[in-house]
Amino acid sequence: MEGEEQLLDEGLGLAEAAGLTDQVPALEHFNFMESFWSYFQSDLISSIPITICSFLLIAVLIERSMFYAKNNRDISIFIHNLQTQLEKGNLEAAQMLSSQLGSVTGEVAEEGVRLLAVQREDFSRAYDITTSIVTRKLQKYLPILATIGAVAPFLGLFGTVSGVIKALFRMSLGSEGASLKMIGEISNALIATGYGLFIAIIAVVSYNLFSNIVKRYNDDFMLLKLLFLSFSNIDFDTSRIYASAREEMQAPGQEYYAQSMQPAQQAPSTADILNNARRPKDIQGGEKPPYPDFLK
């Protein structure tokens, strides 16, 4: 035992003499947060854009999740009840049933009932316009997720390349212990690639998930369209629908809409303007030069 301890002491003495103990640090546990913060500070060109992408990703995830959760409805029972009311020819009950659903599907169904009453000949085209507008609402902010999923990996790769270039440049200076420092800088630079890939993976998965939700809504809209088209050849009693529309126009805040539904007044023709210009007008016993009515 004493001989082994003596050999160990002699080996350590030789290592100290060669200066190896100063270059080889003690083995420590890897601290990810410390390495990430070191990367973030040393490469702001890539870390700041990726962080901005992460904030946008979180905002879109929260907003879209809340929107889809708010409009999530099981329409299997609704379709059955709507079909029952249409078979009875009760458009008013069908419209009320659609409004009580309280989602984008209900809005489309309510508009479909209205089109079934007033525009049966061109129902398919008018209904497709409605669904296109609602689909744009459902796809809101989804292009941001697609952009983040495509750009974030390249931002991370750019940060890695930038970090490796810096490490190789410092190694070329030939300072003492440069090789070990280069290994540490390269490991920090690789964090950029991992950071970008992590954000991109979440963005791509979220985009595919939300796209499937939008596709499910489009399938529901198509199901409603087929249901309405099956009743497009039936003559419904639309008097109640028109009466409810008039009540909505007479409601407070709908004055402008009611005025816009009135027929526009015909503009005066050129002959009427010239006749008014030739006809003198007496005011208080005196005569004034003839002017057209729209200049008085």
Protein backbone atom coordinates (compact mmCIF):
# COMPACT_ATOMS: atom_id res chain seq x y z
CA MET A 1 0.00 0.00 0.00
CA GLU A 2 2.79 2.38 0.86
CA GLY A 3 4.44 1.68 -2.51
CA GLU A 4 1.24 2.46 -4.39
CA GLU A 5 0.75 5.74 -2.53
CA GLN A 6 4.34 6.69 -3.29
CA LEU A 7 3.86 6.00 -7.00
CA LEU A 8 0.63 8.05 -6.99
CA ASP A 9 2.36 10.99 -5.36
CA GLU A 10 5.16 10.81 -7.88
CA GLY A 11 2.65 10.76 -10.77
CA LEU A 12 0.84 13.81 -9.46
CA GLY A 13 4.13 15.57 -9.04
CA LEU A 14 5.06 14.88 -12.65
CA ALA A 15 1.62 16.13 -13.82
CA GLU A 16 2.04 19.33 -11.84
CA ALA A 17 5.50 19.79 -13.27
CA ALA A 18 4.17 19.41 -16.79
CA GLY A 19 1.33 21.84 -16.11
CA LEU A 20 -1.39 19.30 -16.96
CA THR A 21 -3.34 19.77 -13.75
CA ASP A 22 -4.06 23.39 -14.65
CA GLN A 23 -5.37 22.48 -18.10
CA VAL A 24 -7.61 19.57 -17.13
CA PRO A 25 -10.46 20.82 -14.93
CA ALA A 26 -12.21 18.61 -12.44
CA LEU A 27 -15.18 16.65 -13.76
CA GLU A 28 -18.42 18.50 -13.04
CA HIS A 29 -22.08 17.87 -13.74
CA PHE A 30 -23.50 19.47 -16.89
CA ASN A 31 -25.56 22.54 -16.09
CA PHE A 32 -27.97 23.08 -18.98
CA MET A 33 -29.35 26.42 -17.81
CA GLU A 34 -25.86 27.85 -17.35
CA SER A 35 -24.84 26.64 -20.82
CA PHE A 36 -28.07 27.96 -22.35
CA TRP A 37 -27.57 31.38 -20.76
CA SER A 38 -23.97 31.41 -21.97
CA TYR A 39 -25.18 30.68 -25.51
CA PHE A 40 -27.94 33.28 -25.28
CA GLN A 41 -25.49 36.02 -24.29
CA SER A 42 -22.75 35.04 -26.73
CA ASP A 43 -24.96 34.71 -29.83
CA LEU A 44 -27.74 37.28 -29.72
CA ILE A 45 -28.11 37.20 -33.51
CA SER A 46 -29.77 33.78 -33.38
CA SER A 47 -31.01 33.56 -29.78
CA ILE A 48 -33.24 36.65 -29.93
CA PRO A 49 -35.12 35.63 -33.14
CA ILE A 50 -35.69 32.11 -31.82
CA THR A 51 -36.95 33.54 -28.52
CA ILE A 52 -39.34 35.84 -30.41
CA CYS A 53 -40.60 32.78 -32.31
CA SER A 54 -41.16 30.99 -28.99
CA PHE A 55 -43.25 33.89 -27.63
CA LEU A 56 -45.33 34.00 -30.82
CA LEU A 57 -45.76 30.24 -30.61
CA ILE A 58 -47.04 30.40 -27.04
CA ALA A 59 -49.44 33.26 -27.87
CA VAL A 60 -50.91 31.45 -30.89
CA LEU A 61 -51.24 28.19 -28.96
CA ILE A 62 -53.17 29.88 -26.15
CA GLU A 63 -55.42 31.92 -28.46
CA ARG A 64 -56.27 29.08 -30.85
CA SER A 65 -56.78 26.56 -28.05
CA MET A 66 -59.24 28.89 -26.33
CA PHE A 67 -61.04 29.63 -29.63
CA TYR A 68 -61.44 25.98 -30.61
CA ALA A 69 -62.47 24.99 -27.10
CA LYS A 70 -65.12 27.74 -27.12
CA ASN A 71 -66.58 26.54 -30.43
CA ASN A 72 -66.29 22.81 -29.78
CA ARG A 73 -69.72 21.19 -30.22
CA ASP A 74 -70.96 17.67 -30.81
CA ILE A 75 -73.29 18.16 -33.76
CA SER A 76 -74.58 14.60 -34.05
CA ILE A 77 -77.69 15.38 -31.99
CA PHE A 78 -77.96 18.83 -33.57
CA ILE A 79 -78.01 17.37 -37.11
CA HIS A 80 -80.78 14.97 -36.12
CA ASN A 81 -82.91 17.72 -34.56
CA LEU A 82 -82.28 20.06 -37.51
CA GLN A 83 -83.34 17.37 -39.97
CA THR A 84 -86.51 16.78 -37.96
CA GLN A 85 -87.46 20.46 -38.12
CA LEU A 86 -86.74 20.66 -41.83
CA GLU A 87 -88.87 17.60 -42.48
CA LYS A 88 -91.71 19.34 -40.66
CA GLY A 89 -91.18 22.43 -42.84
CA ASN A 90 -90.58 24.61 -39.77
CA LEU A 91 -87.77 26.93 -40.84
CA GLU A 92 -88.28 29.21 -37.86
CA ALA A 93 -87.62 26.37 -35.41
CA ALA A 94 -84.62 25.25 -37.49
CA GLN A 95 -83.18 28.75 -37.40
CA MET A 96 -83.75 29.04 -33.65
CA LEU A 97 -82.12 25.64 -33.13
CA SER A 98 -79.08 26.76 -35.10
CA SER A 99 -78.74 30.00 -33.15
CA GLN A 100 -78.92 28.12 -29.84
CA LEU A 101 -75.95 25.94 -30.82
CA GLY A 102 -73.67 28.90 -30.13
CA SER A 103 -70.60 28.20 -32.27
CA VAL A 104 -69.25 28.78 -35.76
CA THR A 105 -71.10 25.63 -36.83
CA GLY A 106 -74.31 27.17 -35.53
CA GLU A 107 -73.61 30.37 -37.46
CA VAL A 108 -73.15 28.41 -40.67
CA ALA A 109 -76.29 26.37 -40.01
CA GLU A 110 -78.32 29.51 -39.28
CA GLU A 111 -77.10 31.11 -42.50
CA GLY A 112 -77.92 27.90 -44.36
CA VAL A 113 -81.51 27.99 -43.11
CA ARG A 114 -81.83 31.60 -44.22
CA LEU A 115 -80.41 30.79 -47.67
CA LEU A 116 -82.76 27.83 -47.93
CA ALA A 117 -85.66 30.23 -47.48
CA VAL A 118 -84.60 33.12 -49.71
CA GLN A 119 -82.05 31.77 -52.22
CA ARG A 120 -82.76 28.16 -53.05
CA GLU A 121 -81.86 28.38 -56.73
CA ASP A 122 -78.27 29.42 -56.07
CA PHE A 123 -78.00 27.89 -52.62
CA SER A 124 -74.76 25.96 -53.18
CA ARG A 125 -72.71 28.97 -54.27
CA ALA A 126 -74.05 31.24 -51.51
CA TYR A 127 -73.43 28.55 -48.90
CA ASP A 128 -69.85 28.03 -50.11
CA ILE A 129 -69.19 31.75 -49.69
CA THR A 130 -70.38 31.55 -46.09
CA THR A 131 -68.23 28.52 -45.30
CA SER A 132 -65.19 30.15 -46.92
CA ILE A 133 -65.54 33.18 -44.65
CA VAL A 134 -65.89 30.98 -41.55
CA THR A 135 -62.93 28.82 -42.62
CA ARG A 136 -60.75 31.91 -42.79
CA LYS A 137 -61.76 32.63 -39.21
CA LEU A 138 -60.86 29.07 -38.21
CA GLN A 139 -57.45 29.23 -39.93
CA LYS A 140 -56.50 32.53 -38.31
CA TYR A 141 -52.85 32.64 -37.08
CA LEU A 142 -52.12 29.13 -38.38
CA PRO A 143 -49.67 30.48 -41.02
CA ILE A 144 -47.60 31.85 -38.12
CA LEU A 145 -47.15 28.31 -36.79
CA ALA A 146 -46.14 27.06 -40.23
CA THR A 147 -43.61 29.87 -40.60
CA ILE A 148 -42.08 29.21 -37.18
CA GLY A 149 -41.84 25.49 -37.93
CA ALA A 150 -39.96 26.24 -41.16
CA VAL A 151 -37.67 29.03 -39.94
CA ALA A 152 -36.71 28.06 -36.37
CA PRO A 153 -34.40 25.11 -37.31
CA PHE A 154 -32.43 27.30 -39.70
CA LEU A 155 -32.08 30.01 -37.05
CA GLY A 156 -30.69 27.41 -34.67
CA LEU A 157 -28.32 26.07 -37.33
CA PHE A 158 -27.15 29.60 -38.04
CA GLY A 159 -26.36 30.05 -34.34
CA THR A 160 -24.40 26.80 -34.27
CA VAL A 161 -22.34 27.74 -37.32
CA SER A 162 -21.64 31.16 -35.84
CA GLY A 163 -20.52 29.62 -32.55
CA VAL A 164 -18.22 27.09 -34.24
CA ILE A 165 -16.63 29.86 -36.31
CA LYS A 166 -15.92 31.86 -33.17
CA ALA A 167 -14.43 28.81 -31.42
CA LEU A 168 -12.15 27.99 -34.34
CA PHE A 169 -11.00 31.57 -34.57
CA ARG A 170 -10.01 31.62 -30.90
CA MET A 171 -8.23 28.32 -31.32
CA SER A 172 -6.22 29.77 -34.20
CA LEU A 173 -4.82 32.38 -31.85
CA GLY A 174 -2.86 29.57 -30.16
CA SER A 175 -3.54 30.58 -26.58
CA GLU A 176 -2.88 28.14 -23.73
CA GLY A 177 -5.78 25.73 -23.21
CA ALA A 178 -7.51 26.91 -26.41
CA SER A 179 -8.49 23.37 -27.42
CA LEU A 180 -10.41 22.77 -24.21
CA LYS A 181 -12.13 26.14 -24.43
CA MET A 182 -13.06 25.38 -28.04
CA ILE A 183 -14.82 22.17 -26.95
CA GLY A 184 -16.87 24.13 -24.42
CA GLU A 185 -17.79 26.82 -26.96
CA ILE A 186 -18.80 24.23 -29.54
CA SER A 187 -21.04 22.50 -26.99
CA ASN A 188 -22.68 25.85 -26.25
CA ALA A 189 -23.09 26.49 -29.98
CA LEU A 190 -24.89 23.18 -30.43
CA ILE A 191 -27.50 24.38 -27.95
CA ALA A 192 -28.68 26.79 -30.65
CA THR A 193 -29.59 23.91 -32.95
CA GLY A 194 -31.42 22.12 -30.16
CA TYR A 195 -33.26 25.31 -29.22
CA GLY A 196 -34.43 25.90 -32.78
CA LEU A 197 -35.45 22.27 -33.28
CA PHE A 198 -37.41 22.26 -30.03
CA ILE A 199 -39.44 25.33 -31.04
CA ALA A 200 -39.93 24.01 -34.58
CA ILE A 201 -41.18 20.60 -33.40
CA ILE A 202 -43.81 22.19 -31.16
CA ALA A 203 -44.89 24.55 -33.96
CA VAL A 204 -45.23 21.78 -36.56
CA VAL A 205 -47.14 19.46 -34.20
CA SER A 206 -49.48 22.31 -33.21
CA TYR A 207 -50.03 23.29 -36.84
CA ASN A 208 -50.96 19.74 -37.82
CA LEU A 209 -53.25 19.40 -34.80
CA PHE A 210 -55.08 22.65 -35.50
CA SER A 211 -55.28 21.87 -39.23
CA ASN A 212 -57.04 18.62 -38.40
CA ILE A 213 -59.49 20.55 -36.23
CA VAL A 214 -60.22 22.92 -39.14
CA LYS A 215 -60.68 19.92 -41.44
CA ARG A 216 -63.20 18.48 -38.99
CA TYR A 217 -65.16 21.76 -39.08
CA ASN A 218 -65.11 21.69 -42.89
CA ASP A 219 -66.48 18.15 -42.79
CA ASP A 220 -69.31 19.37 -40.56
CA PHE A 221 -70.03 22.22 -42.97
CA MET A 222 -70.17 19.77 -45.87
CA LEU A 223 -72.55 17.55 -43.91
CA LEU A 224 -74.83 20.53 -43.29
CA LYS A 225 -74.68 21.45 -46.98
CA LEU A 226 -75.78 17.98 -48.03
CA LEU A 227 -78.61 18.16 -45.52
CA PHE A 228 -79.83 21.51 -46.83
CA LEU A 229 -79.54 20.43 -50.47
CA SER A 230 -81.77 17.47 -49.76
CA PHE A 231 -84.53 19.94 -48.80
CA SER A 232 -83.82 22.56 -51.49
CA ASN A 233 -86.74 21.41 -53.68
CA ILE A 234 -89.35 21.75 -50.95
CA ASP A 235 -91.56 24.85 -50.73
CA PHE A 236 -91.30 26.18 -47.19
CA ASP A 237 -93.44 28.78 -45.48
CA THR A 238 -91.01 31.71 -45.41
CA SER A 239 -93.38 34.30 -43.99
CA ARG A 240 -92.11 33.82 -40.44
CA ILE A 241 -88.51 34.06 -41.59
CA TYR A 242 -89.22 37.37 -43.32
CA ALA A 243 -91.15 38.60 -40.26
CA SER A 244 -88.24 37.81 -37.95
CA ALA A 245 -85.87 39.55 -40.37
CA ARG A 246 -88.03 42.68 -40.27
CA GLU A 247 -88.07 42.56 -36.46
CA GLU A 248 -84.28 42.38 -36.42
CA MET A 249 -84.08 45.40 -38.73
CA GLN A 250 -86.42 47.34 -36.44
CA ALA A 251 -84.38 46.49 -33.34
CA PRO A 252 -82.22 49.22 -31.72
CA GLY A 253 -78.94 49.65 -33.51
CA GLN A 254 -80.27 48.27 -36.80
CA GLU A 255 -81.54 51.56 -38.27
CA TYR A 256 -78.66 51.79 -40.70
CA TYR A 257 -79.20 48.22 -41.86
CA ALA A 258 -82.92 48.86 -42.36
CA GLN A 259 -82.22 51.99 -44.38
CA SER A 260 -79.73 50.13 -46.52
CA MET A 261 -82.41 47.55 -47.38
CA GLN A 262 -84.74 50.24 -48.76
CA PRO A 263 -84.62 50.85 -52.53
CA ALA A 264 -82.31 53.67 -53.51
CA GLN A 265 -83.84 56.87 -54.87
CA GLN A 266 -83.34 57.38 -58.58
CA ALA A 267 -80.94 60.18 -59.44
CA PRO A 268 -82.38 63.13 -61.45
CA SER A 269 -81.82 62.88 -65.19
CA THR A 270 -80.08 65.54 -67.29
CA ALA A 271 -83.40 66.61 -68.82
CA ASP A 272 -84.91 67.24 -65.38
CA ILE A 273 -81.92 69.37 -64.39
CA LEU A 274 -82.20 71.46 -67.55
CA ASN A 275 -85.96 71.95 -67.10
CA ASN A 276 -85.44 73.11 -63.54
CA ALA A 277 -82.74 75.49 -64.74
CA ARG A 278 -85.05 77.07 -67.33
CA ARG A 279 -87.98 77.52 -64.91
CA PRO A 280 -87.77 80.83 -62.92
CA LYS A 281 -88.65 80.90 -59.28
CA ASP A 282 -90.45 83.81 -57.57
CA ILE A 283 -89.48 84.55 -54.00
CA GLN A 284 -91.31 87.37 -52.18
CA GLY A 285 -92.50 88.98 -55.40
CA GLY A 286 -89.04 89.20 -56.96
CA GLU A 287 -87.30 87.07 -59.48
CA LYS A 288 -83.95 85.39 -59.06
CA PRO A 289 -81.76 83.84 -61.68
CA PRO A 290 -82.75 80.26 -62.39
CA TYR A 291 -80.50 77.69 -60.70
CA PRO A 292 -80.77 73.94 -60.72
CA ASP A 293 -82.30 72.49 -57.59
CA PHE A 294 -79.10 70.78 -56.46
CA LEU A 295 -77.27 74.19 -56.45
CA LYS A 296 -79.86 76.03 -54.35
